[in-house]
Amino acid sequence: MMTLHTKLAQAERVDDELVLAYDQREKCRLRARLASGEEVALFMVRGTVLRDGELLTGAEGRVVRVLAASEPTYVVRCGTPLIMARCAFHLGNRHTQAQIGDGFLRIRVDPVLKEMVEGLGARVEQESAPFEPEAGAYSGGGHSHGHDGHPLAPVPLRQKIHRPGDPASA
């Protein structure tokens, strides 16, 4: 069985594709099947989230492109930016993963959250689509928008965030 454990920035060729739903792309250990039907084992660093289009390789040297599978989601649209901001605030306040798009929010199917945002004035439709939620302000990858390469919410240089295992400051 082929094992995949390393992300690549680019590759001259792609040998196969791995189509995974978001909850599978969050796992650091996973057995799955490539588009060709071949079984594969993922052994990623803990905390790794695989994003649509990323390239993986392993000891065999073959390259596999990750594709985000379509899955059931709710698309939240709002009549005004104020309603959209309120919906985003209340979803974030509930630690709900959300994908932010141009004029919409996408969340996992959850009838309670649907009722909440509809109560705030949003329109909600169920849609089968790839789910790519925001990575989070302090995640290591710094989910990027556009082509500027800057993370969504960088940690200010003056701000030191202590993480367990960091060497003690002198």
N, C-alpha and C. Protein backbone atom coordinates (compact mmCIF):
# COMPACT_ATOMS: atom_id res chain seq x y z
N MET A 1 0.85 -1.17 0.00
CA MET A 1 0.00 0.00 0.00
C MET A 1 0.90 1.24 0.00
N MET A 2 0.57 2.18 -0.86
CA MET A 2 1.34 3.42 -0.94
C MET A 2 1.03 4.27 0.30
N THR A 3 2.06 4.94 0.82
CA THR A 3 1.89 5.86 1.93
C THR A 3 2.22 7.27 1.47
N LEU A 4 1.45 8.23 1.96
CA LEU A 4 1.67 9.64 1.66
C LEU A 4 1.93 10.35 2.97
N HIS A 5 2.99 11.17 3.00
CA HIS A 5 3.34 11.83 4.27
C HIS A 5 3.93 13.22 4.10
N THR A 6 4.12 13.69 2.87
CA THR A 6 4.80 14.97 2.66
C THR A 6 4.03 15.82 1.66
N LYS A 7 3.83 17.11 2.02
CA LYS A 7 3.23 18.06 1.08
C LYS A 7 4.32 18.59 0.15
N LEU A 8 3.95 18.81 -1.10
CA LEU A 8 4.84 19.41 -2.08
C LEU A 8 4.30 20.77 -2.50
N ALA A 9 5.18 21.73 -2.74
CA ALA A 9 4.76 23.04 -3.21
C ALA A 9 4.36 22.98 -4.68
N GLN A 10 5.05 22.14 -5.45
CA GLN A 10 4.77 21.98 -6.87
C GLN A 10 5.33 20.66 -7.35
N ALA A 11 4.88 20.24 -8.51
CA ALA A 11 5.38 19.00 -9.10
C ALA A 11 5.23 19.09 -10.61
N GLU A 12 6.12 18.41 -11.33
CA GLU A 12 6.06 18.40 -12.79
C GLU A 12 4.95 17.48 -13.30
N ARG A 13 4.56 16.50 -12.47
CA ARG A 13 3.54 15.56 -12.89
C ARG A 13 2.66 15.22 -11.69
N VAL A 14 1.45 14.78 -11.97
CA VAL A 14 0.55 14.27 -10.94
C VAL A 14 0.15 12.86 -11.37
N ASP A 15 0.39 11.90 -10.47
CA ASP A 15 0.15 10.50 -10.81
C ASP A 15 -1.26 10.03 -10.50
N ASP A 16 -1.94 10.66 -9.56
CA ASP A 16 -3.29 10.23 -9.18
C ASP A 16 -3.95 11.33 -8.38
N GLU A 17 -5.22 11.12 -8.03
CA GLU A 17 -5.97 12.09 -7.24
C GLU A 17 -6.59 11.41 -6.04
N LEU A 18 -6.75 12.17 -4.97
CA LEU A 18 -7.35 11.68 -3.73
C LEU A 18 -8.50 12.62 -3.38
N VAL A 19 -9.73 12.14 -3.52
CA VAL A 19 -10.92 12.94 -3.29
C VAL A 19 -11.42 12.66 -1.88
N LEU A 20 -11.42 13.71 -1.03
CA LEU A 20 -11.79 13.56 0.38
C LEU A 20 -12.72 14.68 0.83
N ALA A 21 -13.68 14.32 1.68
CA ALA A 21 -14.52 15.33 2.34
C ALA A 21 -13.68 16.05 3.38
N TYR A 22 -14.16 17.20 3.86
CA TYR A 22 -13.37 18.01 4.79
C TYR A 22 -13.01 17.25 6.07
N ASP A 23 -13.95 16.52 6.66
CA ASP A 23 -13.63 15.82 7.91
C ASP A 23 -12.53 14.78 7.71
N GLN A 24 -12.39 14.24 6.50
CA GLN A 24 -11.28 13.32 6.22
C GLN A 24 -9.97 14.09 6.02
N ARG A 25 -10.05 15.29 5.45
CA ARG A 25 -8.84 16.09 5.20
C ARG A 25 -8.27 16.68 6.48
N GLU A 26 -9.02 16.60 7.59
CA GLU A 26 -8.53 17.07 8.89
C GLU A 26 -7.76 15.98 9.64
N LYS A 27 -7.86 14.74 9.22
CA LYS A 27 -7.24 13.63 9.95
C LYS A 27 -5.77 13.49 9.58
N CYS A 28 -4.95 13.19 10.58
CA CYS A 28 -3.53 13.02 10.31
C CYS A 28 -3.20 11.57 9.94
N ARG A 29 -4.08 10.64 10.27
CA ARG A 29 -3.92 9.23 9.91
C ARG A 29 -5.20 8.77 9.25
N LEU A 30 -5.08 8.19 8.04
CA LEU A 30 -6.27 7.83 7.30
C LEU A 30 -5.93 6.79 6.24
N ARG A 31 -6.81 5.83 6.07
CA ARG A 31 -6.75 4.91 4.93
C ARG A 31 -7.83 5.35 3.96
N ALA A 32 -7.49 5.43 2.69
CA ALA A 32 -8.43 5.90 1.68
C ALA A 32 -8.12 5.23 0.35
N ARG A 33 -8.92 5.55 -0.64
CA ARG A 33 -8.70 5.04 -1.99
C ARG A 33 -8.46 6.22 -2.95
N LEU A 34 -7.47 6.06 -3.80
CA LEU A 34 -7.21 7.05 -4.82
C LEU A 34 -8.29 6.95 -5.90
N ALA A 35 -8.35 7.93 -6.78
CA ALA A 35 -9.32 7.91 -7.88
C ALA A 35 -9.15 6.66 -8.74
N SER A 36 -7.92 6.15 -8.82
CA SER A 36 -7.64 4.94 -9.60
C SER A 36 -8.14 3.67 -8.90
N GLY A 37 -8.51 3.78 -7.62
CA GLY A 37 -8.97 2.62 -6.86
C GLY A 37 -7.91 2.04 -5.94
N GLU A 38 -6.67 2.49 -6.09
CA GLU A 38 -5.58 2.00 -5.25
C GLU A 38 -5.75 2.48 -3.80
N GLU A 39 -5.49 1.59 -2.85
CA GLU A 39 -5.57 1.96 -1.44
C GLU A 39 -4.30 2.72 -1.05
N VAL A 40 -4.49 3.73 -0.20
CA VAL A 40 -3.39 4.57 0.23
C VAL A 40 -3.52 4.85 1.72
N ALA A 41 -2.39 5.05 2.39
CA ALA A 41 -2.38 5.42 3.80
C ALA A 41 -1.79 6.82 3.93
N LEU A 42 -2.48 7.68 4.68
CA LEU A 42 -1.97 9.03 4.96
C LEU A 42 -1.36 9.04 6.35
N PHE A 43 -0.15 9.58 6.45
CA PHE A 43 0.53 9.77 7.73
C PHE A 43 1.05 11.20 7.73
N MET A 44 0.20 12.13 8.15
CA MET A 44 0.57 13.54 8.14
C MET A 44 0.91 14.00 9.55
N VAL A 45 1.60 15.11 9.65
CA VAL A 45 1.93 15.71 10.94
C VAL A 45 0.62 16.10 11.63
N ARG A 46 0.53 15.83 12.92
CA ARG A 46 -0.68 16.16 13.68
C ARG A 46 -1.03 17.63 13.49
N GLY A 47 -2.31 17.90 13.25
CA GLY A 47 -2.77 19.27 13.03
C GLY A 47 -2.81 19.67 11.56
N THR A 48 -2.29 18.84 10.67
CA THR A 48 -2.31 19.14 9.25
C THR A 48 -3.73 19.07 8.72
N VAL A 49 -4.11 20.05 7.92
CA VAL A 49 -5.37 20.02 7.20
C VAL A 49 -5.03 20.07 5.72
N LEU A 50 -5.51 19.10 4.99
CA LEU A 50 -5.26 19.06 3.55
C LEU A 50 -6.27 19.94 2.83
N ARG A 51 -5.79 20.78 1.94
CA ARG A 51 -6.64 21.70 1.20
C ARG A 51 -6.75 21.26 -0.26
N ASP A 52 -7.86 21.65 -0.87
CA ASP A 52 -8.12 21.33 -2.27
C ASP A 52 -6.95 21.78 -3.14
N GLY A 53 -6.44 20.86 -3.95
CA GLY A 53 -5.36 21.18 -4.87
C GLY A 53 -3.97 20.91 -4.35
N GLU A 54 -3.82 20.63 -3.06
CA GLU A 54 -2.49 20.36 -2.52
C GLU A 54 -1.93 19.06 -3.09
N LEU A 55 -0.61 19.00 -3.12
CA LEU A 55 0.09 17.84 -3.66
C LEU A 55 0.78 17.08 -2.53
N LEU A 56 0.68 15.76 -2.57
CA LEU A 56 1.30 14.89 -1.57
C LEU A 56 2.21 13.88 -2.25
N THR A 57 3.21 13.43 -1.49
CA THR A 57 4.08 12.36 -1.97
C THR A 57 4.51 11.53 -0.78
N GLY A 58 5.18 10.43 -1.09
CA GLY A 58 5.70 9.53 -0.06
C GLY A 58 7.01 8.94 -0.53
N ALA A 59 7.43 7.87 0.11
CA ALA A 59 8.72 7.24 -0.20
C ALA A 59 8.79 6.75 -1.64
N GLU A 60 7.65 6.37 -2.21
CA GLU A 60 7.63 5.86 -3.59
C GLU A 60 7.90 6.95 -4.62
N GLY A 61 7.73 8.22 -4.24
CA GLY A 61 8.00 9.33 -5.15
C GLY A 61 6.83 9.70 -6.05
N ARG A 62 5.74 8.99 -5.96
CA ARG A 62 4.57 9.34 -6.76
C ARG A 62 3.89 10.57 -6.17
N VAL A 63 3.21 11.33 -7.02
CA VAL A 63 2.57 12.57 -6.61
C VAL A 63 1.05 12.42 -6.73
N VAL A 64 0.36 12.82 -5.67
CA VAL A 64 -1.10 12.73 -5.61
C VAL A 64 -1.67 14.10 -5.31
N ARG A 65 -2.66 14.51 -6.10
CA ARG A 65 -3.35 15.79 -5.86
C ARG A 65 -4.58 15.53 -5.00
N VAL A 66 -4.74 16.34 -3.94
CA VAL A 66 -5.91 16.27 -3.06
C VAL A 66 -7.04 17.09 -3.70
N LEU A 67 -8.22 16.50 -3.76
CA LEU A 67 -9.40 17.21 -4.25
C LEU A 67 -10.47 17.20 -3.18
N ALA A 68 -11.07 18.36 -2.94
CA ALA A 68 -12.15 18.47 -1.96
C ALA A 68 -13.42 17.87 -2.55
N ALA A 69 -13.98 16.87 -1.87
CA ALA A 69 -15.21 16.23 -2.33
C ALA A 69 -16.41 17.14 -2.07
N SER A 70 -17.40 17.05 -2.93
CA SER A 70 -18.66 17.72 -2.66
C SER A 70 -19.34 17.02 -1.49
N GLU A 71 -19.94 17.82 -0.62
CA GLU A 71 -20.63 17.28 0.55
C GLU A 71 -21.80 18.19 0.88
N PRO A 72 -22.75 17.71 1.68
CA PRO A 72 -23.90 18.55 2.02
C PRO A 72 -23.48 19.76 2.85
N THR A 73 -23.89 20.94 2.41
CA THR A 73 -23.58 22.18 3.14
C THR A 73 -24.80 23.10 3.09
N TYR A 74 -24.76 24.12 3.94
CA TYR A 74 -25.72 25.21 3.86
C TYR A 74 -24.97 26.43 3.33
N VAL A 75 -25.59 27.12 2.38
CA VAL A 75 -25.06 28.38 1.88
C VAL A 75 -25.92 29.49 2.48
N VAL A 76 -25.26 30.40 3.19
CA VAL A 76 -25.95 31.50 3.88
C VAL A 76 -25.71 32.77 3.08
N ARG A 77 -26.80 33.40 2.65
CA ARG A 77 -26.72 34.68 1.93
C ARG A 77 -27.55 35.71 2.68
N CYS A 78 -27.10 36.94 2.59
CA CYS A 78 -27.76 37.99 3.36
C CYS A 78 -28.04 39.19 2.49
N GLY A 79 -29.10 39.91 2.83
CA GLY A 79 -29.50 41.09 2.07
C GLY A 79 -28.62 42.30 2.29
N THR A 80 -27.92 42.34 3.43
CA THR A 80 -27.06 43.49 3.73
C THR A 80 -25.75 43.02 4.36
N PRO A 81 -24.71 43.82 4.25
CA PRO A 81 -23.45 43.47 4.92
C PRO A 81 -23.61 43.37 6.44
N LEU A 82 -24.51 44.16 7.02
CA LEU A 82 -24.72 44.11 8.47
C LEU A 82 -25.27 42.74 8.88
N ILE A 83 -26.25 42.23 8.15
CA ILE A 83 -26.80 40.91 8.46
C ILE A 83 -25.73 39.84 8.29
N MET A 84 -24.92 39.96 7.24
CA MET A 84 -23.83 38.99 7.01
C MET A 84 -22.83 39.03 8.17
N ALA A 85 -22.48 40.22 8.62
CA ALA A 85 -21.55 40.34 9.74
C ALA A 85 -22.14 39.74 11.02
N ARG A 86 -23.42 39.98 11.25
CA ARG A 86 -24.07 39.40 12.44
C ARG A 86 -24.08 37.88 12.35
N CYS A 87 -24.39 37.33 11.20
CA CYS A 87 -24.38 35.87 11.03
C CYS A 87 -22.98 35.31 11.27
N ALA A 88 -21.98 35.94 10.68
CA ALA A 88 -20.60 35.48 10.86
C ALA A 88 -20.20 35.56 12.33
N PHE A 89 -20.57 36.63 12.99
CA PHE A 89 -20.25 36.77 14.42
C PHE A 89 -20.87 35.65 15.23
N HIS A 90 -22.16 35.41 15.04
CA HIS A 90 -22.85 34.41 15.84
C HIS A 90 -22.38 32.99 15.52
N LEU A 91 -22.04 32.71 14.27
CA LEU A 91 -21.47 31.40 13.92
C LEU A 91 -20.10 31.24 14.58
N GLY A 92 -19.28 32.27 14.52
CA GLY A 92 -17.97 32.23 15.17
C GLY A 92 -18.07 32.11 16.67
N ASN A 93 -19.06 32.76 17.24
CA ASN A 93 -19.26 32.70 18.68
C ASN A 93 -19.60 31.28 19.13
N ARG A 94 -20.10 30.47 18.21
CA ARG A 94 -20.40 29.06 18.49
C ARG A 94 -19.29 28.15 17.99
N HIS A 95 -18.15 28.74 17.65
CA HIS A 95 -16.98 27.99 17.17
C HIS A 95 -17.34 27.08 15.99
N THR A 96 -18.17 27.60 15.11
CA THR A 96 -18.60 26.87 13.93
C THR A 96 -17.63 27.12 12.79
N GLN A 97 -17.16 26.06 12.17
CA GLN A 97 -16.30 26.23 11.00
C GLN A 97 -17.15 26.81 9.88
N ALA A 98 -16.60 27.81 9.19
CA ALA A 98 -17.33 28.46 8.11
C ALA A 98 -16.37 28.81 6.98
N GLN A 99 -16.86 28.65 5.79
CA GLN A 99 -16.15 29.08 4.59
C GLN A 99 -16.71 30.45 4.24
N ILE A 100 -15.83 31.41 4.01
CA ILE A 100 -16.26 32.76 3.68
C ILE A 100 -16.00 32.99 2.20
N GLY A 101 -17.07 33.29 1.48
CA GLY A 101 -16.96 33.55 0.05
C GLY A 101 -17.45 34.94 -0.28
N ASP A 102 -17.41 35.29 -1.54
CA ASP A 102 -17.85 36.60 -1.99
C ASP A 102 -19.37 36.65 -1.92
N GLY A 103 -19.90 37.21 -0.84
CA GLY A 103 -21.34 37.35 -0.68
C GLY A 103 -22.03 36.16 -0.03
N PHE A 104 -21.27 35.21 0.51
CA PHE A 104 -21.90 34.07 1.16
C PHE A 104 -21.01 33.49 2.25
N LEU A 105 -21.65 32.74 3.14
CA LEU A 105 -20.97 31.89 4.11
C LEU A 105 -21.41 30.47 3.80
N ARG A 106 -20.52 29.50 3.96
CA ARG A 106 -20.87 28.09 3.78
C ARG A 106 -20.56 27.38 5.09
N ILE A 107 -21.54 26.63 5.59
CA ILE A 107 -21.36 25.87 6.83
C ILE A 107 -21.83 24.44 6.60
N ARG A 108 -21.44 23.56 7.53
CA ARG A 108 -21.95 22.20 7.49
C ARG A 108 -23.45 22.21 7.78
N VAL A 109 -24.14 21.19 7.31
CA VAL A 109 -25.57 21.08 7.56
C VAL A 109 -25.82 20.90 9.06
N ASP A 110 -26.57 21.83 9.62
CA ASP A 110 -26.94 21.79 11.04
C ASP A 110 -28.24 22.58 11.17
N PRO A 111 -29.36 21.88 11.37
CA PRO A 111 -30.66 22.57 11.42
C PRO A 111 -30.75 23.67 12.49
N VAL A 112 -30.06 23.50 13.61
CA VAL A 112 -30.10 24.52 14.67
C VAL A 112 -29.42 25.80 14.19
N LEU A 113 -28.26 25.66 13.52
CA LEU A 113 -27.56 26.84 13.01
C LEU A 113 -28.36 27.49 11.87
N LYS A 114 -29.00 26.67 11.05
CA LYS A 114 -29.84 27.20 9.97
C LYS A 114 -30.94 28.08 10.55
N GLU A 115 -31.62 27.58 11.56
CA GLU A 115 -32.69 28.35 12.20
C GLU A 115 -32.15 29.64 12.82
N MET A 116 -30.96 29.57 13.41
CA MET A 116 -30.37 30.75 14.03
C MET A 116 -30.11 31.85 13.00
N VAL A 117 -29.44 31.51 11.89
CA VAL A 117 -29.10 32.56 10.91
C VAL A 117 -30.34 33.04 10.15
N GLU A 118 -31.31 32.16 9.96
CA GLU A 118 -32.57 32.61 9.36
C GLU A 118 -33.25 33.61 10.30
N GLY A 119 -33.17 33.37 11.60
CA GLY A 119 -33.72 34.30 12.59
C GLY A 119 -33.03 35.65 12.57
N LEU A 120 -31.78 35.67 12.10
CA LEU A 120 -31.04 36.93 11.98
C LEU A 120 -31.32 37.64 10.65
N GLY A 121 -32.11 36.98 9.77
CA GLY A 121 -32.48 37.61 8.50
C GLY A 121 -31.80 37.02 7.28
N ALA A 122 -31.06 35.93 7.42
CA ALA A 122 -30.35 35.32 6.29
C ALA A 122 -31.26 34.38 5.51
N ARG A 123 -30.90 34.14 4.27
CA ARG A 123 -31.52 33.10 3.44
C ARG A 123 -30.56 31.92 3.42
N VAL A 124 -31.06 30.72 3.61
CA VAL A 124 -30.21 29.53 3.68
C VAL A 124 -30.70 28.49 2.67
N GLU A 125 -29.77 27.97 1.87
CA GLU A 125 -30.10 26.91 0.92
C GLU A 125 -29.13 25.76 1.14
N GLN A 126 -29.64 24.54 1.02
CA GLN A 126 -28.76 23.39 1.10
C GLN A 126 -28.14 23.19 -0.28
N GLU A 127 -26.84 22.88 -0.28
CA GLU A 127 -26.11 22.73 -1.54
C GLU A 127 -25.01 21.70 -1.36
N SER A 128 -24.81 20.86 -2.34
CA SER A 128 -23.69 19.92 -2.33
C SER A 128 -22.51 20.63 -2.97
N ALA A 129 -21.44 20.82 -2.19
CA ALA A 129 -20.29 21.58 -2.67
C ALA A 129 -19.06 21.21 -1.84
N PRO A 130 -17.86 21.44 -2.38
CA PRO A 130 -16.66 21.26 -1.55
C PRO A 130 -16.69 22.25 -0.38
N PHE A 131 -16.27 21.80 0.80
CA PHE A 131 -16.26 22.64 2.00
C PHE A 131 -14.82 22.98 2.34
N GLU A 132 -14.49 24.27 2.31
CA GLU A 132 -13.15 24.76 2.61
C GLU A 132 -13.24 25.87 3.66
N PRO A 133 -13.44 25.52 4.93
CA PRO A 133 -13.58 26.56 5.95
C PRO A 133 -12.28 27.31 6.18
N GLU A 134 -12.42 28.48 6.77
CA GLU A 134 -11.25 29.28 7.14
C GLU A 134 -10.34 28.47 8.06
N ALA A 135 -9.05 28.67 7.92
CA ALA A 135 -8.07 27.91 8.70
C ALA A 135 -7.99 28.40 10.14
N GLY A 136 -8.37 29.62 10.41
CA GLY A 136 -8.25 30.17 11.76
C GLY A 136 -7.11 31.16 11.81
N ALA A 137 -7.27 32.15 12.65
CA ALA A 137 -6.32 33.26 12.70
C ALA A 137 -4.92 32.85 13.12
N TYR A 138 -4.79 31.85 13.97
CA TYR A 138 -3.47 31.51 14.49
C TYR A 138 -3.00 30.14 14.05
N SER A 139 -3.61 29.58 13.01
CA SER A 139 -3.15 28.27 12.53
C SER A 139 -1.83 28.44 11.81
N GLY A 140 -1.06 27.40 11.82
CA GLY A 140 0.28 27.46 11.27
C GLY A 140 0.32 27.75 9.79
N GLY A 141 -0.67 27.25 9.03
CA GLY A 141 -0.63 27.41 7.58
C GLY A 141 -0.97 28.80 7.11
N GLY A 142 -1.73 29.56 7.89
CA GLY A 142 -2.11 30.91 7.47
C GLY A 142 -2.85 30.88 6.15
N HIS A 143 -4.07 30.37 6.14
CA HIS A 143 -4.88 30.26 4.94
C HIS A 143 -4.83 31.58 4.19
N SER A 144 -4.49 31.55 2.94
CA SER A 144 -4.27 32.75 2.16
C SER A 144 -5.39 32.98 1.17
N HIS A 145 -5.73 34.24 0.94
CA HIS A 145 -6.71 34.62 -0.06
C HIS A 145 -5.99 35.44 -1.11
N GLY A 146 -6.39 35.30 -2.34
CA GLY A 146 -5.75 36.06 -3.40
C GLY A 146 -4.37 35.49 -3.70
N HIS A 147 -3.52 36.33 -4.27
CA HIS A 147 -2.21 35.85 -4.68
C HIS A 147 -1.08 36.58 -3.98
N ASP A 148 -1.38 37.30 -2.91
CA ASP A 148 -0.34 38.06 -2.25
C ASP A 148 0.49 37.23 -1.28
N GLY A 149 0.04 36.00 -0.96
CA GLY A 149 0.81 35.12 -0.10
C GLY A 149 0.77 35.47 1.37
N HIS A 150 0.01 36.49 1.76
CA HIS A 150 -0.07 36.87 3.16
C HIS A 150 -1.14 36.04 3.86
N PRO A 151 -0.90 35.62 5.11
CA PRO A 151 -1.93 34.87 5.81
C PRO A 151 -3.16 35.74 6.06
N LEU A 152 -4.29 35.06 6.29
CA LEU A 152 -5.54 35.76 6.53
C LEU A 152 -5.43 36.72 7.70
N ALA A 153 -4.90 36.26 8.82
CA ALA A 153 -4.78 37.10 10.01
C ALA A 153 -3.43 36.82 10.65
N PRO A 154 -2.38 37.50 10.20
CA PRO A 154 -1.06 37.22 10.76
C PRO A 154 -0.96 37.64 12.21
N VAL A 155 -0.10 36.97 12.94
CA VAL A 155 0.17 37.33 14.32
C VAL A 155 1.09 38.55 14.30
N PRO A 156 0.70 39.64 14.97
CA PRO A 156 1.58 40.82 14.97
C PRO A 156 2.96 40.46 15.51
N LEU A 157 3.99 41.09 14.96
CA LEU A 157 5.37 40.78 15.36
C LEU A 157 5.59 40.98 16.85
N ARG A 158 4.95 41.98 17.44
CA ARG A 158 5.16 42.26 18.86
C ARG A 158 4.45 41.26 19.76
N GLN A 159 3.54 40.47 19.19
CA GLN A 159 2.74 39.54 20.00
C GLN A 159 3.41 38.18 20.04
N LYS A 160 3.77 37.74 21.22
CA LYS A 160 4.36 36.42 21.41
C LYS A 160 3.27 35.50 21.92
N ILE A 161 3.03 34.45 21.21
CA ILE A 161 2.04 33.47 21.63
C ILE A 161 2.79 32.27 22.18
N HIS A 162 2.55 31.97 23.44
CA HIS A 162 3.19 30.82 24.06
C HIS A 162 2.41 29.56 23.72
N ARG A 163 3.13 28.58 23.25
CA ARG A 163 2.53 27.28 22.99
C ARG A 163 3.27 26.25 23.82
N PRO A 164 2.56 25.25 24.36
CA PRO A 164 3.24 24.21 25.13
C PRO A 164 4.38 23.63 24.31
N GLY A 165 5.50 23.44 24.96
CA GLY A 165 6.67 22.89 24.27
C GLY A 165 7.63 23.93 23.74
N ASP A 166 7.18 25.22 23.70
CA ASP A 166 8.09 26.28 23.27
C ASP A 166 9.19 26.44 24.34
N PRO A 167 10.42 26.69 23.91
CA PRO A 167 11.46 26.94 24.91
C PRO A 167 11.15 28.19 25.71
N ALA A 168 11.48 28.18 26.97
CA ALA A 168 11.21 29.32 27.85
C ALA A 168 12.03 30.53 27.40
N SER A 169 11.41 31.71 27.50
CA SER A 169 12.11 32.94 27.13
C SER A 169 13.13 33.26 28.19
N ALA A 170 14.27 33.78 27.75
CA ALA A 170 15.34 34.13 28.69
C ALA A 170 15.22 35.53 29.17
